[in-house]
Amino acid sequence: MTGNTQVVVIGGGYAGVMAANRLTRRDDVTVTLINPRPTFVERIRLHQLVGGTHDAVVGYREVLGKGVGLVVDTVTRIDADERAVALASGGTVGYDYLIYAVGSGSADPDVPGAAEFAYPIATLEEAQRLRPALDAAPATAPVTVVGAGPTGIETAAELAEQGRTVTLVCGRVLGPYLHPRGRRSVAGRLAALGVRVLEGPGTKVTAVTRDAVRLADGREVPSGVTIWSAGFGVPDLAARSGLRTDALGRLLTDETLTSVDDARIIAAGDSAAPSDLPFRMSCQAAGPMGATAAETVLSRIAGERPAPLALGFVGQCISLGRRAGIFQVAHRNDTVTSLHLGGRPAAKVKELICSGTVWQLAREGRKPGSLKWTWAKDNKRQQVLRTKRDAVPATVEQAA
């Protein structure tokens, strides 16, 4: 390919910003980032926004490279044939390559009353709606958090530390990702904060009302404010644009993160399903995936064969208020070990991770290509892929 190459990145989260910054390695590439918000959201701090200890936003000029153009708008459709995206404000933006990094959010709850009376917390706007609702509620009003993944645990701990009366409804088990030892550590900290934890199959929520949450075992939990952190959803932009997705709507790709339908479309982050074996939702995966998506585009521009994604995990870190946390250690393939770090040291690690992700993005903006993750490669992924080779879509041939 000769001349200037236009690359559009849809989505300005961890994966999208990383991809956009890395693409500026070449002077003959014009990078446009399209995002519906004018500021970068530190999603892993949204529970702090709800608790009033952080605003969870950073100016894009703090994390974006100088060579990246920012368009504040929403993409409503991808026209792969015309190589253009339609914007909500009208008009289109053309591209030679497209990086699809639209992220994830809350799943539409199918529980009666949840949409009307519960507050989701997966996006900035949702957290901003929840904050005044908490402020308006009496200090003694019971707060119920539904969902015991990292977001639910962090939100429950954050509010309990401020003196709120909090019930955490797990639906099944507290912290499903955690090793039993880590789970006991989290349960102990929540108990010390006064959080009432409801576990087991009978704690599945069957209905939400204005002032209560009903459980499958017949119990009714009083609730002045109900916070919904259960479920995972992704925007349906890919499916609406005629691109193949997995059952949850994540764009199906090969191991270079290239769409199985179009070699000009590359995905990264929560909205990607490489080889139909998507990674756990996390900024831990988003950064390396964003970098890989950019490298795939750069390789195609240079007429080279893109390298497959090399990604491994180190664990999961959860804050338990401002003074404690847990770092659950994992194998590279994201299966947990019996090791964990707790207490104040884990809280410090979590803060380092939160601030470190922003630092990484800013560094990549200043020195594109400087960050490496090869040390964290999961070699077992290739073994898993070999066992399902017949079911994995073939890599799309490079576009002419």
Protein backbone atom coordinates (compact mmCIF):
# COMPACT_ATOMS: atom_id res chain seq x y z
CA MET A 1 0.00 0.00 0.00
CA THR A 2 1.35 3.45 -0.91
CA GLY A 3 0.38 6.97 0.18
CA ASN A 4 -1.30 7.96 3.42
CA THR A 5 -3.33 5.27 5.21
CA GLN A 6 -6.48 6.26 7.07
CA VAL A 7 -7.18 4.25 10.22
CA VAL A 8 -10.34 4.78 12.27
CA VAL A 9 -10.55 3.50 15.84
CA ILE A 10 -14.06 3.15 17.26
CA GLY A 11 -14.02 3.42 21.03
CA GLY A 12 -11.77 5.40 23.34
CA GLY A 13 -11.35 3.00 26.25
CA TYR A 14 -8.20 1.19 27.32
CA ALA A 15 -7.96 -0.90 24.14
CA GLY A 16 -8.91 1.87 21.72
CA VAL A 17 -6.50 4.44 23.12
CA MET A 18 -3.66 1.93 23.20
CA ALA A 19 -4.33 0.99 19.57
CA ALA A 20 -4.61 4.60 18.41
CA ASN A 21 -1.36 5.60 20.11
CA ARG A 22 0.61 2.67 18.73
CA LEU A 23 -0.58 3.36 15.20
CA THR A 24 1.27 6.69 15.25
CA ARG A 25 4.56 4.78 14.89
CA ARG A 26 4.24 5.45 11.15
CA ASP A 27 4.21 8.99 9.82
CA ASP A 28 2.16 7.93 6.80
CA VAL A 29 -0.78 6.76 8.92
CA THR A 30 -3.60 9.15 9.86
CA VAL A 31 -5.38 7.99 13.02
CA THR A 32 -8.88 9.10 13.98
CA LEU A 33 -10.40 8.01 17.28
CA ILE A 34 -14.20 8.20 17.47
CA ASN A 35 -15.72 8.13 20.94
CA PRO A 36 -19.06 9.35 22.33
CA ARG A 37 -17.43 11.14 25.28
CA PRO A 38 -14.87 13.97 25.30
CA THR A 39 -12.93 12.45 28.21
CA PHE A 40 -11.24 9.12 28.91
CA VAL A 41 -13.08 7.02 31.50
CA GLU A 42 -11.10 5.10 34.10
CA ARG A 43 -13.66 2.35 34.22
CA ILE A 44 -11.84 0.49 36.98
CA ARG A 45 -12.52 3.52 39.21
CA LEU A 46 -16.27 3.84 38.66
CA HIS A 47 -16.99 2.43 42.11
CA GLN A 48 -14.90 5.30 43.47
CA LEU A 49 -16.99 7.80 41.54
CA VAL A 50 -20.07 6.32 43.20
CA GLY A 51 -18.35 6.54 46.58
CA GLY A 52 -17.15 10.09 45.94
CA THR A 53 -13.41 9.34 46.20
CA HIS A 54 -12.50 9.86 42.52
CA ASP A 55 -14.14 11.35 39.41
CA ALA A 56 -12.93 8.44 37.22
CA VAL A 57 -12.15 10.62 34.18
CA VAL A 58 -8.96 11.89 32.54
CA GLY A 59 -8.60 14.41 29.72
CA TYR A 60 -7.87 12.69 26.41
CA ARG A 61 -4.88 14.91 25.79
CA GLU A 62 -3.28 13.32 28.85
CA VAL A 63 -3.43 9.84 27.32
CA LEU A 64 -3.67 10.32 23.53
CA GLY A 65 -0.67 10.84 21.32
CA LYS A 66 -0.43 14.22 19.56
CA GLY A 67 -0.89 12.56 16.19
CA VAL A 68 -4.32 11.10 17.02
CA GLY A 69 -7.41 13.03 15.91
CA LEU A 70 -10.39 12.85 18.27
CA VAL A 71 -13.98 12.93 17.02
CA VAL A 72 -16.61 13.10 19.77
CA ASP A 73 -19.53 11.23 18.24
CA THR A 74 -21.21 7.83 18.09
CA VAL A 75 -20.80 5.36 15.24
CA THR A 76 -24.21 4.02 14.22
CA ARG A 77 -23.15 1.68 11.42
CA ILE A 78 -20.08 0.21 9.73
CA ASP A 79 -20.26 -0.06 5.93
CA ALA A 80 -17.53 -2.59 5.19
CA ASP A 81 -18.10 -2.48 1.43
CA GLU A 82 -17.64 1.29 1.27
CA ARG A 83 -15.04 1.31 4.06
CA ALA A 84 -16.86 4.01 5.98
CA VAL A 85 -18.64 4.51 9.29
CA ALA A 86 -21.85 6.49 9.76
CA LEU A 87 -22.05 8.96 12.66
CA ALA A 88 -25.04 9.79 14.83
CA SER A 89 -24.56 13.48 14.10
CA GLY A 90 -24.77 12.83 10.36
CA GLY A 91 -22.11 12.23 7.74
CA THR A 92 -19.54 9.48 7.40
CA VAL A 93 -15.86 8.90 8.03
CA GLY A 94 -13.92 6.77 5.57
CA TYR A 95 -11.14 4.37 6.44
CA ASP A 96 -8.54 2.06 4.96
CA TYR A 97 -8.49 0.05 8.19
CA LEU A 98 -10.90 0.02 11.11
CA ILE A 99 -10.18 -0.97 14.71
CA TYR A 100 -13.32 -2.04 16.55
CA ALA A 101 -12.88 -1.33 20.28
CA VAL A 102 -16.37 -0.39 21.45
CA GLY A 103 -15.93 -2.01 24.86
CA SER A 104 -18.68 -3.43 27.04
CA GLY A 105 -21.38 -2.35 29.45
CA SER A 106 -24.31 -3.64 31.42
CA ALA A 107 -26.48 -6.43 30.07
CA ASP A 108 -30.16 -5.64 29.86
CA PRO A 109 -31.57 -7.24 33.03
CA ASP A 110 -34.43 -9.63 32.42
CA VAL A 111 -35.51 -9.52 36.07
CA PRO A 112 -38.89 -7.83 36.61
CA GLY A 113 -38.45 -4.33 37.96
CA ALA A 114 -34.66 -4.20 37.56
CA ALA A 115 -34.71 -1.79 34.63
CA GLU A 116 -37.09 0.53 36.47
CA PHE A 117 -35.76 0.46 40.02
CA ALA A 118 -32.11 -0.67 39.96
CA TYR A 119 -29.08 1.43 39.03
CA PRO A 120 -26.48 -0.19 36.75
CA ILE A 121 -22.86 0.91 37.18
CA ALA A 122 -20.91 -0.31 34.14
CA THR A 123 -20.56 3.06 32.38
CA LEU A 124 -19.66 6.61 33.36
CA GLU A 125 -23.18 7.88 32.74
CA GLU A 126 -24.69 5.08 34.84
CA ALA A 127 -22.33 5.80 37.73
CA GLN A 128 -23.08 9.52 37.46
CA ARG A 129 -26.82 8.82 37.70
CA LEU A 130 -26.30 6.61 40.73
CA ARG A 131 -24.23 9.10 42.72
CA PRO A 132 -27.01 11.71 43.26
CA ALA A 133 -29.48 8.94 44.06
CA LEU A 134 -27.22 7.84 46.91
CA ASP A 135 -26.75 11.42 48.04
CA ALA A 136 -30.52 11.92 48.14
CA ALA A 137 -31.12 8.75 50.18
CA PRO A 138 -30.98 9.00 53.98
CA ALA A 139 -27.65 7.88 55.45
CA THR A 140 -29.50 5.05 57.19
CA ALA A 141 -31.24 3.82 54.02
CA PRO A 142 -30.29 0.21 53.18
CA VAL A 143 -28.28 -0.22 49.98
CA THR A 144 -28.41 -3.50 48.06
CA VAL A 145 -25.72 -4.42 45.53
CA VAL A 146 -26.69 -7.22 43.14
CA GLY A 147 -23.80 -9.18 41.65
CA ALA A 148 -20.67 -10.36 43.45
CA GLY A 149 -18.05 -9.98 40.76
CA PRO A 150 -15.27 -7.38 41.15
CA THR A 151 -17.55 -4.39 40.51
CA GLY A 152 -20.16 -5.54 43.00
CA ILE A 153 -17.60 -6.33 45.68
CA GLU A 154 -15.76 -3.04 45.19
CA THR A 155 -18.95 -0.98 45.25
CA ALA A 156 -20.28 -2.71 48.35
CA ALA A 157 -16.99 -2.21 50.21
CA GLU A 158 -16.62 1.42 49.09
CA LEU A 159 -20.08 2.36 50.37
CA ALA A 160 -19.87 0.31 53.57
CA GLU A 161 -16.58 1.99 54.45
CA GLN A 162 -18.46 5.30 54.34
CA GLY A 163 -20.98 4.04 56.86
CA ARG A 164 -23.74 2.84 54.53
CA THR A 165 -25.77 -0.24 55.45
CA VAL A 166 -24.98 -2.58 52.55
CA THR A 167 -26.23 -6.00 51.50
CA LEU A 168 -24.34 -7.82 48.74
CA VAL A 169 -26.55 -10.31 46.89
CA CYS A 170 -24.30 -12.81 45.14
CA GLY A 171 -26.77 -14.86 43.13
CA ARG A 172 -24.48 -17.81 43.67
CA VAL A 173 -20.96 -17.42 45.11
CA LEU A 174 -18.96 -14.45 46.32
CA GLY A 175 -16.18 -13.58 43.86
CA PRO A 176 -16.57 -16.48 41.38
CA TYR A 177 -13.06 -15.92 40.00
CA LEU A 178 -11.34 -16.14 43.38
CA HIS A 179 -9.63 -19.15 44.93
CA PRO A 180 -11.43 -20.31 48.11
CA ARG A 181 -8.63 -18.85 50.23
CA GLY A 182 -8.97 -15.51 48.52
CA ARG A 183 -12.73 -15.68 48.84
CA ARG A 184 -12.46 -16.17 52.59
CA SER A 185 -10.17 -13.16 52.79
CA VAL A 186 -12.69 -11.00 50.93
CA ALA A 187 -15.57 -12.29 53.05
CA GLY A 188 -13.65 -11.41 56.20
CA ARG A 189 -12.98 -7.87 55.05
CA LEU A 190 -16.61 -7.34 53.98
CA ALA A 191 -17.79 -8.64 57.35
CA ALA A 192 -15.45 -6.21 59.11
CA LEU A 193 -17.00 -3.39 57.09
CA GLY A 194 -20.49 -4.55 58.07
CA VAL A 195 -21.53 -5.81 54.63
CA ARG A 196 -24.20 -8.50 54.76
CA VAL A 197 -23.30 -11.11 52.13
CA LEU A 198 -26.03 -13.38 50.77
CA GLU A 199 -24.71 -16.42 48.87
CA GLY A 200 -26.12 -19.59 47.35
CA PRO A 201 -28.60 -20.56 44.61
CA GLY A 202 -31.49 -19.18 46.64
CA THR A 203 -30.04 -15.68 46.38
CA LYS A 204 -30.80 -15.27 42.70
CA VAL A 205 -32.84 -12.09 42.32
CA THR A 206 -36.35 -12.68 40.99
CA ALA A 207 -37.75 -9.15 41.22
CA VAL A 208 -36.81 -5.61 42.14
CA THR A 209 -39.29 -3.09 43.55
CA ARG A 210 -38.92 0.52 44.57
CA ASP A 211 -37.94 -0.43 48.12
CA ALA A 212 -36.94 -4.11 48.07
CA VAL A 213 -35.18 -6.95 46.27
CA ARG A 214 -36.88 -10.36 46.13
CA LEU A 215 -34.86 -13.57 46.08
CA ALA A 216 -35.51 -17.03 44.69
CA ASP A 217 -35.76 -18.55 48.17
CA GLY A 218 -38.63 -16.22 49.03
CA ARG A 219 -36.74 -13.69 51.08
CA GLU A 220 -37.28 -9.98 50.56
CA VAL A 221 -34.33 -7.66 51.18
CA PRO A 222 -35.27 -4.05 52.05
CA SER A 223 -33.49 -1.63 49.74
CA GLY A 224 -33.56 2.15 49.58
CA VAL A 225 -31.10 2.10 46.66
CA THR A 226 -30.48 -0.98 44.53
CA ILE A 227 -27.28 -1.19 42.50
CA TRP A 228 -27.10 -3.68 39.61
CA SER A 229 -23.64 -5.03 38.80
CA ALA A 230 -24.65 -8.41 37.40
CA GLY A 231 -24.30 -9.34 33.74
CA PHE A 232 -22.12 -8.38 30.79
CA GLY A 233 -23.13 -6.89 27.48
CA VAL A 234 -21.49 -5.36 24.43
CA PRO A 235 -22.85 -2.86 21.90
CA ASP A 236 -24.61 -4.47 18.93
CA LEU A 237 -22.82 -2.30 16.35
CA ALA A 238 -21.00 -5.24 14.73
CA ALA A 239 -24.13 -7.36 14.41
CA ARG A 240 -26.15 -4.40 13.08
CA SER A 241 -23.44 -3.84 10.50
CA GLY A 242 -23.66 -7.41 9.19
CA LEU A 243 -20.45 -8.69 10.79
CA ARG A 244 -20.33 -12.07 12.46
CA THR A 245 -20.29 -12.12 16.25
CA ASP A 246 -20.42 -14.61 19.09
CA ALA A 247 -23.59 -15.19 21.11
CA LEU A 248 -22.97 -12.09 23.24
CA GLY A 249 -22.28 -9.83 20.26
CA ARG A 250 -18.49 -9.73 20.36
CA LEU A 251 -16.84 -9.48 16.94
CA LEU A 252 -15.47 -12.83 15.80
CA THR A 253 -11.81 -12.66 14.82
CA ASP A 254 -8.78 -14.84 14.25
CA GLU A 255 -5.73 -14.79 16.53
CA THR A 256 -4.38 -11.61 14.88
CA LEU A 257 -7.69 -9.97 15.95
CA THR A 258 -8.79 -9.68 12.33
CA SER A 259 -12.51 -10.01 11.65
CA VAL A 260 -13.45 -13.35 10.10
CA ASP A 261 -15.46 -11.36 7.54
CA ASP A 262 -13.13 -8.54 6.56
CA ALA A 263 -9.33 -8.20 6.76
CA ARG A 264 -9.70 -4.43 6.98
CA ILE A 265 -11.52 -4.68 10.31
CA ILE A 266 -9.59 -5.55 13.46
CA ALA A 267 -11.02 -5.80 16.97
CA ALA A 268 -9.63 -5.26 20.46
CA GLY A 269 -10.80 -5.33 24.06
CA ASP A 270 -14.06 -6.57 25.54
CA SER A 271 -15.89 -6.43 22.18
CA ALA A 272 -13.53 -8.96 20.51
CA ALA A 273 -13.88 -12.74 20.43
CA PRO A 274 -10.60 -14.10 19.00
CA SER A 275 -11.08 -17.66 17.73
CA ASP A 276 -14.42 -17.63 19.57
CA LEU A 277 -12.42 -17.92 22.82
CA PRO A 278 -12.73 -14.40 24.26
CA PHE A 279 -10.67 -13.22 27.19
CA ARG A 280 -12.01 -12.10 30.51
CA MET A 281 -13.24 -8.51 30.57
CA SER A 282 -10.38 -6.47 32.01
CA CYS A 283 -7.97 -3.63 31.30
CA GLN A 284 -5.33 -6.34 31.79
CA ALA A 285 -6.42 -7.80 28.45
CA ALA A 286 -7.42 -4.52 26.79
CA GLY A 287 -3.95 -3.00 26.66
CA PRO A 288 -2.17 -5.91 24.95
CA MET A 289 -5.13 -6.45 22.63
CA GLY A 290 -5.11 -2.78 21.60
CA ALA A 291 -1.39 -2.99 20.89
CA THR A 292 -1.83 -6.21 18.90
CA ALA A 293 -4.68 -4.73 16.86
CA ALA A 294 -2.45 -1.80 15.92
CA GLU A 295 0.47 -4.10 15.07
CA THR A 296 -1.82 -6.13 12.82
CA VAL A 297 -2.74 -3.01 10.88
CA LEU A 298 0.87 -1.84 10.69
CA SER A 299 1.99 -5.25 9.45
CA ARG A 300 -0.64 -5.22 6.70
CA ILE A 301 0.42 -1.73 5.62
CA ALA A 302 4.02 -2.94 5.43
CA GLY A 303 2.99 -6.01 3.43
CA GLU A 304 4.01 -8.35 6.26
CA ARG A 305 2.22 -11.24 7.90
CA PRO A 306 0.63 -10.15 11.21
CA ALA A 307 1.72 -11.95 14.37
CA PRO A 308 -0.90 -13.66 16.54
CA LEU A 309 -1.93 -12.23 19.89
CA ALA A 310 0.40 -13.06 22.80
CA LEU A 311 -1.51 -12.45 26.01
CA GLY A 312 -1.34 -13.91 29.48
CA PHE A 313 -2.85 -12.94 32.81
CA VAL A 314 -1.29 -12.39 36.22
CA GLY A 315 -4.43 -12.34 38.36
CA GLN A 316 -7.23 -10.11 39.55
CA CYS A 317 -7.02 -7.15 41.92
CA ILE A 318 -10.06 -5.95 43.86
CA SER A 319 -10.24 -2.95 46.17
CA LEU A 320 -12.08 -3.41 49.44
CA GLY A 321 -12.51 0.22 50.35
CA ARG A 322 -9.62 2.68 50.46
CA ARG A 323 -7.61 0.78 53.08
CA ALA A 324 -7.68 -2.85 51.96
CA GLY A 325 -7.90 -5.08 48.92
CA ILE A 326 -6.97 -8.44 47.47
CA PHE A 327 -4.66 -9.42 44.67
CA GLN A 328 -5.59 -12.93 43.51
CA VAL A 329 -2.62 -14.53 41.75
CA ALA A 330 -3.36 -16.54 38.59
CA HIS A 331 -1.58 -18.68 36.03
CA ARG A 332 -0.94 -17.15 32.60
CA ASN A 333 -4.07 -18.90 31.26
CA ASP A 334 -6.20 -17.00 33.80
CA THR A 335 -6.82 -19.91 36.16
CA VAL A 336 -6.29 -18.97 39.78
CA THR A 337 -3.64 -20.25 42.14
CA SER A 338 -3.95 -20.58 45.92
CA LEU A 339 -1.81 -17.46 46.38
CA HIS A 340 -3.18 -14.03 47.15
CA LEU A 341 -2.10 -10.76 48.75
CA GLY A 342 -4.53 -9.02 51.05
CA GLY A 343 -5.00 -6.05 53.33
CA ARG A 344 -3.33 -2.67 52.92
CA PRO A 345 -0.53 -3.97 50.65
CA ALA A 346 -3.17 -5.18 48.16
CA ALA A 347 -4.89 -1.79 48.32
CA LYS A 348 -1.61 -0.16 47.36
CA VAL A 349 -1.17 -2.63 44.50
CA LYS A 350 -4.66 -1.85 43.24
CA GLU A 351 -3.96 1.89 43.29
CA LEU A 352 -0.70 1.29 41.41
CA ILE A 353 -2.63 -0.70 38.80
CA CYS A 354 -5.27 2.01 38.40
CA SER A 355 -2.75 4.81 38.03
CA GLY A 356 -0.40 2.55 36.06
CA THR A 357 -2.90 1.89 33.30
CA VAL A 358 -3.23 5.62 32.62
CA TRP A 359 0.56 5.98 32.78
CA GLN A 360 0.94 3.16 30.23
CA LEU A 361 -1.44 4.83 27.80
CA ALA A 362 0.31 8.17 28.19
CA ARG A 363 3.73 6.57 27.69
CA GLU A 364 2.55 4.81 24.53
CA GLY A 365 1.26 8.15 23.30
CA ARG A 366 4.67 9.73 23.80
CA LYS A 367 6.70 6.73 22.62
CA PRO A 368 4.52 4.49 20.44
CA GLY A 369 5.66 0.87 20.44
CA SER A 370 7.51 1.17 23.74
CA LEU A 371 5.31 -1.15 25.80
CA LYS A 372 5.81 -4.92 25.64
CA TRP A 373 3.80 -7.79 27.11
CA THR A 374 5.66 -10.81 25.72
CA TRP A 375 6.64 -11.87 29.24
CA ALA A 376 2.98 -12.63 29.99
CA LYS A 377 2.29 -14.95 27.05
CA ASP A 378 -0.09 -17.85 27.71
CA ASN A 379 1.38 -20.87 25.92
CA LYS A 380 -1.58 -23.06 26.86
CA ARG A 381 -3.93 -21.08 24.61
CA GLN A 382 -2.40 -22.67 21.52
CA GLN A 383 -3.05 -26.11 22.99
CA VAL A 384 -6.70 -25.22 23.50
CA LEU A 385 -6.96 -23.85 19.97
CA ARG A 386 -5.49 -27.02 18.48
CA THR A 387 -8.18 -29.13 20.16
CA LYS A 388 -10.91 -27.08 18.49
CA ARG A 389 -9.14 -26.30 15.22
CA ASP A 390 -11.98 -27.60 13.10
CA ALA A 391 -14.37 -25.16 14.77
CA VAL A 392 -12.18 -22.08 14.49
CA PRO A 393 -12.90 -19.88 11.45
CA ALA A 394 -10.08 -19.63 8.95
CA THR A 395 -8.05 -16.42 8.87
CA VAL A 396 -9.35 -13.94 6.35
CA GLU A 397 -6.93 -13.37 3.49
CA GLN A 398 -5.29 -9.97 3.30
CA ALA A 399 -7.38 -7.46 1.39
CA ALA A 400 -6.01 -6.24 -1.90
